[in-house]
Each structure stands twice: as structure tokens, then as C-alpha cells.
Amino acid sequence: MKTKNYYSLAFISPDKTGIVAGVSKVLYDNGFNIDDSSSIYISGIFTMILVVSHKNELTVNDICLLFKETGYTPQVNIIPETYIEADGESYSISVYGADKAGIVYKVTKFLAEQKINIIELQTKVVGKDSDEIYVMILEIIVPTDLSDSWEMKLLEVVKEMNIDIKINKIDSYEF
């Protein structure tokens, strides 16, 4: 017998004060626990993703109706019991260089081909006008059975695009 039911909720909205407070109030008032969350502000848009749990089995519609009065409509997914977190070695990758089409595609295509799981990705153009630099930062999980040659192969991928890369193993997390 399951003791908890898990759901993912995604909210995307023009940014304004009180989004997190409004969403977390609905969750608290209705007996949910926030197990994991992440949010980001991108070009005036606020995005929040949460993994929540509840003692009762709820439908997607049940959860959406709880937020009706807030004006926020979440994208809701039921997380199956068989969900397994990614396992392997954690790395961070920083890619930077002149802004050009294809950087995200070529790097992420290579990682997918190697069965490397991307768990976080952020991109941004920094600088002004002629001094603009494209920056992409990824956190990845490399399967333990994958040989170390993936790093050299990735270096070749970015070399072809004339951009720079730094790969660092993450030994531990600190908050």
C-alpha cells in the first residue's frame, strides 16, 4: 500500500510578487508536502516546478481545481511509483563563446547519444553588443558504466564550433 502519491506541478506566469506564496498556500491548505522545487525568472517570466506529495490519490483535474481561484493553472503530472532517480557521477559543464545557432543542440545531442542525463540547463547571453558571449551551464549525471572517453569526445564537439568548455566533477553538494 502506498503511503504517498507524487505529482509534478509546473507554473509559468508573467512575473509578479506573490506567486510562490499563493501556490504554497494552496498546497499547505490542502495537505500537500513540497518534496522538491526549482524556480527561475527568465525575461519577465516566472517559472516554478515542484514535486509534491499527498496521502490521497488525486487526479490531474482534482489538483488543477485547487488553484482555480489563484489564477494560476498548473501543468500537472502524476509521478508513477516506478520513478527512479538518475544514478551515476555528477558533473557540471560550462560552455561559452560567440553566440551562434546550434550550441545547445550539438552539446545536448552528444550527451543524449552517450546516455548522459541532463538534470539542469541554463543559458544566457552576457555582455553588450560586440562583446556578447553565449554561456550555457549544465549539470549532468554520467552513468557509472560509461568510460571516461566521453569527456574527450565532448571536447571535440565544442572545438568544431569554436567555443570553450569546462567540465568539473561534482564531489558533493552544499546548500
N, C-alpha and C. Protein backbone atom coordinates (compact mmCIF):
# COMPACT_ATOMS: atom_id res chain seq x y z
N MET A 1 0.84 -1.18 0.00
CA MET A 1 0.00 0.00 0.00
C MET A 1 0.89 1.25 0.00
N LYS A 2 0.59 2.17 -0.91
CA LYS A 2 1.36 3.41 -0.99
C LYS A 2 1.01 4.31 0.18
N THR A 3 2.06 4.94 0.74
CA THR A 3 1.81 5.90 1.81
C THR A 3 1.80 7.32 1.29
N LYS A 4 2.38 7.53 0.10
CA LYS A 4 2.40 8.86 -0.51
C LYS A 4 2.17 8.72 -2.01
N ASN A 5 1.52 9.73 -2.56
CA ASN A 5 1.33 9.83 -4.01
C ASN A 5 2.08 11.08 -4.46
N TYR A 6 2.83 10.95 -5.55
CA TYR A 6 3.68 12.06 -6.00
C TYR A 6 3.15 12.68 -7.30
N TYR A 7 3.31 14.00 -7.38
CA TYR A 7 2.84 14.78 -8.53
C TYR A 7 3.88 15.84 -8.86
N SER A 8 4.02 16.12 -10.16
CA SER A 8 4.84 17.27 -10.55
C SER A 8 3.89 18.38 -10.99
N LEU A 9 4.21 19.60 -10.58
CA LEU A 9 3.40 20.77 -10.94
C LEU A 9 4.33 21.81 -11.55
N ALA A 10 3.93 22.36 -12.68
CA ALA A 10 4.71 23.41 -13.33
C ALA A 10 3.82 24.63 -13.50
N PHE A 11 4.35 25.78 -13.11
CA PHE A 11 3.65 27.06 -13.23
C PHE A 11 4.51 28.00 -14.08
N ILE A 12 3.90 28.61 -15.07
CA ILE A 12 4.58 29.60 -15.90
C ILE A 12 3.67 30.81 -15.97
N SER A 13 4.24 31.97 -15.60
CA SER A 13 3.41 33.16 -15.49
C SER A 13 4.26 34.41 -15.67
N PRO A 14 3.66 35.48 -16.20
CA PRO A 14 4.38 36.76 -16.13
C PRO A 14 4.73 37.02 -14.66
N ASP A 15 5.92 37.50 -14.40
CA ASP A 15 6.37 37.67 -13.03
C ASP A 15 5.57 38.73 -12.29
N LYS A 16 5.25 38.43 -11.05
CA LYS A 16 4.66 39.41 -10.14
C LYS A 16 4.87 38.90 -8.73
N THR A 17 4.82 39.79 -7.79
CA THR A 17 5.01 39.44 -6.39
C THR A 17 3.88 38.53 -5.91
N GLY A 18 4.24 37.49 -5.15
CA GLY A 18 3.25 36.65 -4.50
C GLY A 18 2.95 35.32 -5.15
N ILE A 19 3.58 35.00 -6.26
CA ILE A 19 3.28 33.73 -6.93
C ILE A 19 3.61 32.55 -6.01
N VAL A 20 4.81 32.53 -5.48
CA VAL A 20 5.23 31.42 -4.62
C VAL A 20 4.35 31.33 -3.38
N ALA A 21 4.04 32.47 -2.78
CA ALA A 21 3.18 32.48 -1.59
C ALA A 21 1.80 31.93 -1.92
N GLY A 22 1.23 32.34 -3.04
CA GLY A 22 -0.10 31.87 -3.43
C GLY A 22 -0.14 30.38 -3.70
N VAL A 23 0.84 29.89 -4.43
CA VAL A 23 0.90 28.46 -4.76
C VAL A 23 1.15 27.64 -3.50
N SER A 24 2.11 28.06 -2.68
CA SER A 24 2.43 27.27 -1.49
C SER A 24 1.28 27.28 -0.47
N LYS A 25 0.48 28.35 -0.43
CA LYS A 25 -0.69 28.39 0.45
C LYS A 25 -1.71 27.34 0.04
N VAL A 26 -1.98 27.24 -1.26
CA VAL A 26 -2.92 26.23 -1.74
C VAL A 26 -2.42 24.84 -1.39
N LEU A 27 -1.14 24.61 -1.58
CA LEU A 27 -0.58 23.29 -1.27
C LEU A 27 -0.69 23.00 0.23
N TYR A 28 -0.30 23.96 1.05
CA TYR A 28 -0.36 23.79 2.51
C TYR A 28 -1.80 23.57 2.98
N ASP A 29 -2.71 24.40 2.52
CA ASP A 29 -4.11 24.30 2.94
C ASP A 29 -4.75 22.98 2.55
N ASN A 30 -4.19 22.31 1.54
CA ASN A 30 -4.79 21.07 1.05
C ASN A 30 -3.97 19.82 1.36
N GLY A 31 -3.03 19.95 2.30
CA GLY A 31 -2.33 18.77 2.81
C GLY A 31 -1.20 18.23 1.96
N PHE A 32 -0.66 19.07 1.06
CA PHE A 32 0.46 18.62 0.25
C PHE A 32 1.78 18.91 0.96
N ASN A 33 2.78 18.12 0.64
CA ASN A 33 4.15 18.40 1.06
C ASN A 33 4.97 18.73 -0.18
N ILE A 34 5.79 19.78 -0.10
CA ILE A 34 6.69 20.11 -1.21
C ILE A 34 7.97 19.32 -0.99
N ASP A 35 8.21 18.33 -1.85
CA ASP A 35 9.37 17.45 -1.73
C ASP A 35 10.59 18.00 -2.45
N ASP A 36 10.38 18.69 -3.55
CA ASP A 36 11.49 19.25 -4.33
C ASP A 36 10.92 20.39 -5.16
N SER A 37 11.74 21.40 -5.40
CA SER A 37 11.25 22.52 -6.20
C SER A 37 12.41 23.28 -6.83
N SER A 38 12.08 23.99 -7.88
CA SER A 38 13.04 24.87 -8.54
C SER A 38 12.24 25.97 -9.22
N SER A 39 12.81 27.16 -9.22
CA SER A 39 12.14 28.26 -9.92
C SER A 39 13.20 29.14 -10.56
N ILE A 40 12.75 29.89 -11.57
CA ILE A 40 13.67 30.77 -12.27
C ILE A 40 12.87 31.90 -12.92
N TYR A 41 13.52 33.04 -13.02
CA TYR A 41 12.98 34.21 -13.69
C TYR A 41 13.72 34.35 -15.01
N ILE A 42 12.98 34.36 -16.11
CA ILE A 42 13.60 34.48 -17.44
C ILE A 42 12.85 35.55 -18.23
N SER A 43 13.51 36.64 -18.53
CA SER A 43 12.96 37.69 -19.40
C SER A 43 11.54 38.08 -19.03
N GLY A 44 11.27 38.29 -17.74
CA GLY A 44 9.95 38.74 -17.30
C GLY A 44 8.96 37.62 -17.03
N ILE A 45 9.38 36.37 -17.23
CA ILE A 45 8.51 35.22 -17.00
C ILE A 45 9.03 34.45 -15.79
N PHE A 46 8.13 34.14 -14.86
CA PHE A 46 8.49 33.35 -13.69
C PHE A 46 8.05 31.91 -13.93
N THR A 47 8.94 30.97 -13.70
CA THR A 47 8.65 29.55 -13.87
C THR A 47 9.00 28.81 -12.59
N MET A 48 8.08 27.97 -12.15
CA MET A 48 8.30 27.19 -10.93
C MET A 48 7.86 25.76 -11.19
N ILE A 49 8.72 24.83 -10.82
CA ILE A 49 8.41 23.41 -10.95
C ILE A 49 8.54 22.80 -9.56
N LEU A 50 7.54 22.01 -9.19
CA LEU A 50 7.55 21.38 -7.87
C LEU A 50 7.24 19.90 -8.00
N VAL A 51 7.84 19.11 -7.13
CA VAL A 51 7.40 17.73 -6.92
C VAL A 51 6.77 17.75 -5.54
N VAL A 52 5.51 17.37 -5.50
CA VAL A 52 4.75 17.40 -4.25
C VAL A 52 4.20 16.01 -3.96
N SER A 53 3.89 15.78 -2.70
CA SER A 53 3.29 14.51 -2.33
C SER A 53 2.03 14.76 -1.51
N HIS A 54 1.15 13.77 -1.55
CA HIS A 54 -0.12 13.85 -0.82
C HIS A 54 -0.49 12.43 -0.39
N LYS A 55 -1.17 12.32 0.76
CA LYS A 55 -1.55 10.99 1.25
C LYS A 55 -2.63 10.34 0.39
N ASN A 56 -3.44 11.18 -0.30
CA ASN A 56 -4.52 10.65 -1.13
C ASN A 56 -4.12 10.60 -2.59
N GLU A 57 -4.73 9.67 -3.30
CA GLU A 57 -4.54 9.58 -4.74
C GLU A 57 -5.49 10.58 -5.40
N LEU A 58 -4.93 11.55 -6.13
CA LEU A 58 -5.72 12.61 -6.75
C LEU A 58 -5.58 12.55 -8.26
N THR A 59 -6.57 13.09 -8.96
CA THR A 59 -6.48 13.18 -10.41
C THR A 59 -5.84 14.52 -10.78
N VAL A 60 -5.43 14.62 -12.02
CA VAL A 60 -4.89 15.88 -12.54
C VAL A 60 -5.92 16.98 -12.37
N ASN A 61 -7.17 16.69 -12.70
CA ASN A 61 -8.24 17.67 -12.59
C ASN A 61 -8.47 18.10 -11.14
N ASP A 62 -8.41 17.14 -10.20
CA ASP A 62 -8.56 17.48 -8.77
C ASP A 62 -7.55 18.55 -8.38
N ILE A 63 -6.31 18.36 -8.79
CA ILE A 63 -5.24 19.30 -8.41
C ILE A 63 -5.43 20.63 -9.11
N CYS A 64 -5.73 20.63 -10.38
CA CYS A 64 -5.92 21.90 -11.12
C CYS A 64 -7.03 22.74 -10.50
N LEU A 65 -8.13 22.09 -10.08
CA LEU A 65 -9.25 22.82 -9.49
C LEU A 65 -8.86 23.53 -8.20
N LEU A 66 -7.90 23.00 -7.47
CA LEU A 66 -7.45 23.64 -6.22
C LEU A 66 -6.87 25.03 -6.47
N PHE A 67 -6.33 25.24 -7.67
CA PHE A 67 -5.66 26.51 -7.99
C PHE A 67 -6.55 27.48 -8.75
N LYS A 68 -7.81 27.10 -8.98
CA LYS A 68 -8.72 27.91 -9.79
C LYS A 68 -8.79 29.37 -9.33
N GLU A 69 -8.92 29.60 -8.05
CA GLU A 69 -9.08 30.98 -7.55
C GLU A 69 -7.77 31.78 -7.54
N THR A 70 -6.64 31.12 -7.70
CA THR A 70 -5.36 31.85 -7.70
C THR A 70 -5.08 32.51 -9.05
N GLY A 71 -5.72 32.00 -10.09
CA GLY A 71 -5.43 32.50 -11.44
C GLY A 71 -4.25 31.78 -12.08
N TYR A 72 -3.65 30.86 -11.37
CA TYR A 72 -2.53 30.08 -11.91
C TYR A 72 -3.02 28.68 -12.24
N THR A 73 -2.79 28.25 -13.45
CA THR A 73 -3.19 26.90 -13.87
C THR A 73 -1.92 26.06 -14.04
N PRO A 74 -1.72 25.10 -13.16
CA PRO A 74 -0.50 24.30 -13.28
C PRO A 74 -0.61 23.23 -14.36
N GLN A 75 0.53 22.88 -14.90
CA GLN A 75 0.66 21.65 -15.70
C GLN A 75 0.93 20.57 -14.66
N VAL A 76 0.10 19.56 -14.59
CA VAL A 76 0.21 18.54 -13.55
C VAL A 76 0.50 17.18 -14.18
N ASN A 77 1.43 16.46 -13.58
CA ASN A 77 1.72 15.09 -13.98
C ASN A 77 1.72 14.21 -12.75
N ILE A 78 1.17 13.02 -12.90
CA ILE A 78 1.23 12.04 -11.82
C ILE A 78 2.54 11.29 -11.98
N ILE A 79 3.32 11.23 -10.91
CA ILE A 79 4.61 10.55 -10.97
C ILE A 79 4.38 9.09 -10.58
N PRO A 80 4.73 8.16 -11.47
CA PRO A 80 4.47 6.74 -11.16
C PRO A 80 5.36 6.22 -10.03
N GLU A 81 4.88 5.16 -9.40
CA GLU A 81 5.65 4.53 -8.31
C GLU A 81 7.00 4.05 -8.79
N THR A 82 7.09 3.70 -10.05
CA THR A 82 8.33 3.13 -10.59
C THR A 82 9.37 4.18 -10.94
N TYR A 83 9.09 5.44 -10.64
CA TYR A 83 10.04 6.50 -10.92
C TYR A 83 11.35 6.24 -10.19
N ILE A 84 12.46 6.31 -10.94
CA ILE A 84 13.78 6.09 -10.38
C ILE A 84 14.64 7.30 -10.68
N GLU A 85 15.31 7.80 -9.67
CA GLU A 85 16.20 8.95 -9.88
C GLU A 85 17.43 8.51 -10.66
N ALA A 86 17.99 9.47 -11.41
CA ALA A 86 19.19 9.20 -12.18
C ALA A 86 20.32 8.80 -11.25
N ASP A 87 21.10 7.81 -11.68
CA ASP A 87 22.20 7.31 -10.88
C ASP A 87 23.49 7.43 -11.68
N GLY A 88 24.55 7.84 -11.02
CA GLY A 88 25.84 7.96 -11.67
C GLY A 88 26.67 9.06 -11.03
N GLU A 89 27.66 9.53 -11.77
CA GLU A 89 28.56 10.57 -11.30
C GLU A 89 28.05 11.94 -11.75
N SER A 90 28.10 12.92 -10.85
CA SER A 90 27.62 14.28 -11.17
C SER A 90 28.77 15.14 -11.70
N TYR A 91 28.46 15.91 -12.75
CA TYR A 91 29.43 16.84 -13.34
C TYR A 91 28.72 18.15 -13.65
N SER A 92 29.50 19.23 -13.68
CA SER A 92 29.00 20.49 -14.21
C SER A 92 29.78 20.78 -15.48
N ILE A 93 29.10 21.35 -16.44
CA ILE A 93 29.72 21.72 -17.72
C ILE A 93 29.40 23.18 -17.97
N SER A 94 30.41 23.95 -18.27
CA SER A 94 30.24 25.36 -18.67
C SER A 94 30.72 25.49 -20.10
N VAL A 95 29.85 26.01 -20.96
CA VAL A 95 30.17 26.22 -22.36
C VAL A 95 30.04 27.71 -22.63
N TYR A 96 31.02 28.30 -23.31
CA TYR A 96 30.93 29.72 -23.59
C TYR A 96 31.70 30.07 -24.85
N GLY A 97 31.18 31.10 -25.53
CA GLY A 97 31.80 31.56 -26.77
C GLY A 97 30.85 32.50 -27.49
N ALA A 98 31.20 32.79 -28.73
CA ALA A 98 30.36 33.67 -29.54
C ALA A 98 28.97 33.05 -29.69
N ASP A 99 27.93 33.90 -29.62
CA ASP A 99 26.56 33.43 -29.75
C ASP A 99 26.32 32.99 -31.19
N LYS A 100 25.91 31.72 -31.35
CA LYS A 100 25.61 31.19 -32.67
C LYS A 100 24.60 30.06 -32.55
N ALA A 101 23.89 29.83 -33.62
CA ALA A 101 22.88 28.77 -33.63
C ALA A 101 23.55 27.40 -33.50
N GLY A 102 22.90 26.50 -32.74
CA GLY A 102 23.34 25.11 -32.69
C GLY A 102 24.12 24.70 -31.46
N ILE A 103 24.50 25.64 -30.61
CA ILE A 103 25.31 25.27 -29.44
C ILE A 103 24.54 24.30 -28.54
N VAL A 104 23.33 24.68 -28.15
CA VAL A 104 22.54 23.82 -27.26
C VAL A 104 22.27 22.48 -27.93
N TYR A 105 21.86 22.52 -29.19
CA TYR A 105 21.53 21.28 -29.89
C TYR A 105 22.73 20.33 -29.97
N LYS A 106 23.85 20.81 -30.40
CA LYS A 106 25.00 19.92 -30.62
C LYS A 106 25.54 19.34 -29.32
N VAL A 107 25.59 20.15 -28.28
CA VAL A 107 26.08 19.64 -26.99
C VAL A 107 25.09 18.64 -26.40
N THR A 108 23.80 18.99 -26.38
CA THR A 108 22.81 18.10 -25.77
C THR A 108 22.59 16.83 -26.61
N LYS A 109 22.72 16.94 -27.92
CA LYS A 109 22.63 15.75 -28.78
C LYS A 109 23.74 14.78 -28.44
N PHE A 110 24.95 15.29 -28.29
CA PHE A 110 26.07 14.43 -27.93
C PHE A 110 25.80 13.75 -26.58
N LEU A 111 25.36 14.53 -25.59
CA LEU A 111 25.11 13.96 -24.26
C LEU A 111 24.03 12.87 -24.33
N ALA A 112 22.98 13.11 -25.08
CA ALA A 112 21.92 12.10 -25.23
C ALA A 112 22.45 10.83 -25.88
N GLU A 113 23.28 10.98 -26.89
CA GLU A 113 23.86 9.82 -27.57
C GLU A 113 24.73 8.99 -26.62
N GLN A 114 25.32 9.64 -25.62
CA GLN A 114 26.16 8.95 -24.64
C GLN A 114 25.34 8.42 -23.46
N LYS A 115 24.01 8.64 -23.49
CA LYS A 115 23.11 8.26 -22.38
C LYS A 115 23.42 9.02 -21.10
N ILE A 116 23.91 10.26 -21.26
CA ILE A 116 24.20 11.14 -20.14
C ILE A 116 22.95 11.98 -19.86
N ASN A 117 22.51 11.98 -18.63
CA ASN A 117 21.27 12.64 -18.24
C ASN A 117 21.54 14.09 -17.85
N ILE A 118 20.84 15.03 -18.48
CA ILE A 118 20.93 16.44 -18.12
C ILE A 118 19.90 16.69 -17.03
N ILE A 119 20.35 17.15 -15.86
CA ILE A 119 19.40 17.41 -14.78
C ILE A 119 19.17 18.90 -14.57
N GLU A 120 20.04 19.72 -15.15
CA GLU A 120 19.82 21.16 -15.10
C GLU A 120 20.54 21.81 -16.27
N LEU A 121 19.90 22.80 -16.88
CA LEU A 121 20.49 23.52 -18.01
C LEU A 121 20.05 24.98 -17.93
N GLN A 122 21.03 25.88 -18.05
CA GLN A 122 20.73 27.31 -18.09
C GLN A 122 21.56 27.92 -19.20
N THR A 123 20.96 28.87 -19.91
CA THR A 123 21.68 29.60 -20.95
C THR A 123 21.44 31.09 -20.78
N LYS A 124 22.39 31.87 -21.26
CA LYS A 124 22.26 33.32 -21.16
C LYS A 124 23.28 33.96 -22.08
N VAL A 125 22.89 35.08 -22.68
CA VAL A 125 23.83 35.91 -23.42
C VAL A 125 24.27 37.01 -22.47
N VAL A 126 25.57 37.13 -22.24
CA VAL A 126 26.10 38.15 -21.33
C VAL A 126 26.97 39.12 -22.12
N GLY A 127 27.12 40.31 -21.59
CA GLY A 127 27.91 41.34 -22.27
C GLY A 127 27.01 42.23 -23.10
N LYS A 128 27.63 43.13 -23.83
CA LYS A 128 26.87 44.08 -24.65
C LYS A 128 27.40 44.11 -26.07
N ASP A 129 26.48 44.13 -27.01
CA ASP A 129 26.76 44.29 -28.44
C ASP A 129 27.92 43.42 -28.91
N SER A 130 29.03 44.04 -29.31
CA SER A 130 30.13 43.28 -29.90
C SER A 130 30.87 42.42 -28.88
N ASP A 131 30.63 42.64 -27.59
CA ASP A 131 31.28 41.85 -26.54
C ASP A 131 30.38 40.75 -25.99
N GLU A 132 29.30 40.41 -26.69
CA GLU A 132 28.38 39.40 -26.20
C GLU A 132 29.03 38.01 -26.23
N ILE A 133 28.75 37.27 -25.17
CA ILE A 133 29.21 35.89 -25.05
C ILE A 133 28.01 35.03 -24.67
N TYR A 134 27.89 33.90 -25.33
CA TYR A 134 26.84 32.94 -25.02
C TYR A 134 27.38 31.99 -23.96
N VAL A 135 26.60 31.80 -22.88
CA VAL A 135 27.00 30.92 -21.79
C VAL A 135 25.92 29.86 -21.59
N MET A 136 26.35 28.61 -21.51
CA MET A 136 25.44 27.51 -21.20
C MET A 136 26.07 26.73 -20.05
N ILE A 137 25.28 26.52 -19.00
CA ILE A 137 25.75 25.76 -17.85
C ILE A 137 24.82 24.57 -17.67
N LEU A 138 25.42 23.40 -17.56
CA LEU A 138 24.65 22.17 -17.40
C LEU A 138 25.13 21.43 -16.17
N GLU A 139 24.20 20.75 -15.53
CA GLU A 139 24.56 19.75 -14.53
C GLU A 139 24.09 18.43 -15.11
N ILE A 140 24.97 17.45 -15.09
CA ILE A 140 24.68 16.17 -15.73
C ILE A 140 24.97 15.01 -14.79
N ILE A 141 24.36 13.87 -15.10
CA ILE A 141 24.65 12.61 -14.41
C ILE A 141 25.20 11.64 -15.45
N VAL A 142 26.43 11.23 -15.25
CA VAL A 142 27.10 10.31 -16.17
C VAL A 142 26.97 8.89 -15.62
N PRO A 143 26.43 7.97 -16.41
CA PRO A 143 26.30 6.59 -15.93
C PRO A 143 27.65 6.04 -15.46
N THR A 144 27.64 5.29 -14.39
CA THR A 144 28.88 4.76 -13.83
C THR A 144 29.60 3.81 -14.78
N ASP A 145 28.86 3.18 -15.69
CA ASP A 145 29.50 2.24 -16.61
C ASP A 145 30.02 2.89 -17.89
N LEU A 146 29.93 4.22 -18.00
CA LEU A 146 30.43 4.92 -19.19
C LEU A 146 31.91 5.24 -19.01
N SER A 147 32.68 4.98 -20.03
CA SER A 147 34.12 5.23 -19.92
C SER A 147 34.40 6.73 -19.89
N ASP A 148 35.57 7.09 -19.41
CA ASP A 148 35.97 8.49 -19.32
C ASP A 148 36.18 9.15 -20.69
N SER A 149 36.14 8.38 -21.75
CA SER A 149 36.38 8.95 -23.09
C SER A 149 35.30 9.94 -23.51
N TRP A 150 34.14 9.96 -22.82
CA TRP A 150 33.08 10.90 -23.18
C TRP A 150 33.57 12.34 -23.10
N GLU A 151 34.45 12.62 -22.14
CA GLU A 151 34.94 13.99 -21.97
C GLU A 151 35.75 14.44 -23.19
N MET A 152 36.63 13.58 -23.66
CA MET A 152 37.45 13.92 -24.84
C MET A 152 36.57 14.08 -26.08
N LYS A 153 35.58 13.23 -26.22
CA LYS A 153 34.67 13.33 -27.37
C LYS A 153 33.87 14.63 -27.32
N LEU A 154 33.43 15.04 -26.12
CA LEU A 154 32.69 16.30 -25.99
C LEU A 154 33.59 17.48 -26.31
N LEU A 155 34.84 17.42 -25.91
CA LEU A 155 35.79 18.49 -26.25
C LEU A 155 35.90 18.65 -27.76
N GLU A 156 35.87 17.55 -28.49
CA GLU A 156 35.91 17.60 -29.96
C GLU A 156 34.66 18.26 -30.54
N VAL A 157 33.50 17.97 -29.94
CA VAL A 157 32.24 18.56 -30.41
C VAL A 157 32.30 20.08 -30.30
N VAL A 158 32.74 20.59 -29.16
CA VAL A 158 32.76 22.05 -28.98
C VAL A 158 33.91 22.70 -29.75
N LYS A 159 34.98 21.96 -29.96
CA LYS A 159 36.11 22.50 -30.74
C LYS A 159 35.65 22.81 -32.17
N GLU A 160 34.81 21.94 -32.73
CA GLU A 160 34.28 22.15 -34.09
C GLU A 160 33.45 23.43 -34.18
N MET A 161 32.85 23.86 -33.06
CA MET A 161 32.03 25.07 -33.05
C MET A 161 32.84 26.30 -32.63
N ASN A 162 34.11 26.11 -32.33
CA ASN A 162 34.99 27.20 -31.92
C ASN A 162 34.49 27.90 -30.65
N ILE A 163 34.11 27.08 -29.66
CA ILE A 163 33.68 27.59 -28.37
C ILE A 163 34.48 26.88 -27.28
N ASP A 164 34.43 27.43 -26.08
CA ASP A 164 35.19 26.86 -24.96
C ASP A 164 34.28 26.08 -24.03
N ILE A 165 34.90 25.17 -23.29
CA ILE A 165 34.15 24.32 -22.36
C ILE A 165 35.00 24.02 -21.14
N LYS A 166 34.33 23.90 -20.00
CA LYS A 166 34.97 23.43 -18.77
C LYS A 166 34.08 22.33 -18.21
N ILE A 167 34.70 21.22 -17.84
CA ILE A 167 33.99 20.07 -17.27
C ILE A 167 34.56 19.84 -15.88
N ASN A 168 33.68 19.81 -14.89
CA ASN A 168 34.12 19.59 -13.49
C ASN A 168 33.26 18.53 -12.85
N LYS A 169 33.93 17.58 -12.19
CA LYS A 169 33.21 16.57 -11.43
C LYS A 169 32.72 17.22 -10.13
N ILE A 170 31.48 16.91 -9.75
CA ILE A 170 30.91 17.43 -8.51
C ILE A 170 31.03 16.31 -7.48
N ASP A 171 31.85 16.56 -6.47
CA ASP A 171 32.07 15.52 -5.46
C ASP A 171 31.00 15.52 -4.37
N SER A 172 30.47 16.70 -4.05
CA SER A 172 29.42 16.78 -3.03
C SER A 172 28.61 18.04 -3.24
N TYR A 173 27.41 18.05 -2.68
CA TYR A 173 26.54 19.20 -2.78
C TYR A 173 26.51 19.93 -1.45
N GLU A 174 26.54 21.25 -1.52
CA GLU A 174 26.41 22.05 -0.32
C GLU A 174 25.38 23.12 -0.58
N PHE A 175 24.47 23.29 0.35
CA PHE A 175 23.46 24.34 0.24
C PHE A 175 23.85 25.50 1.10
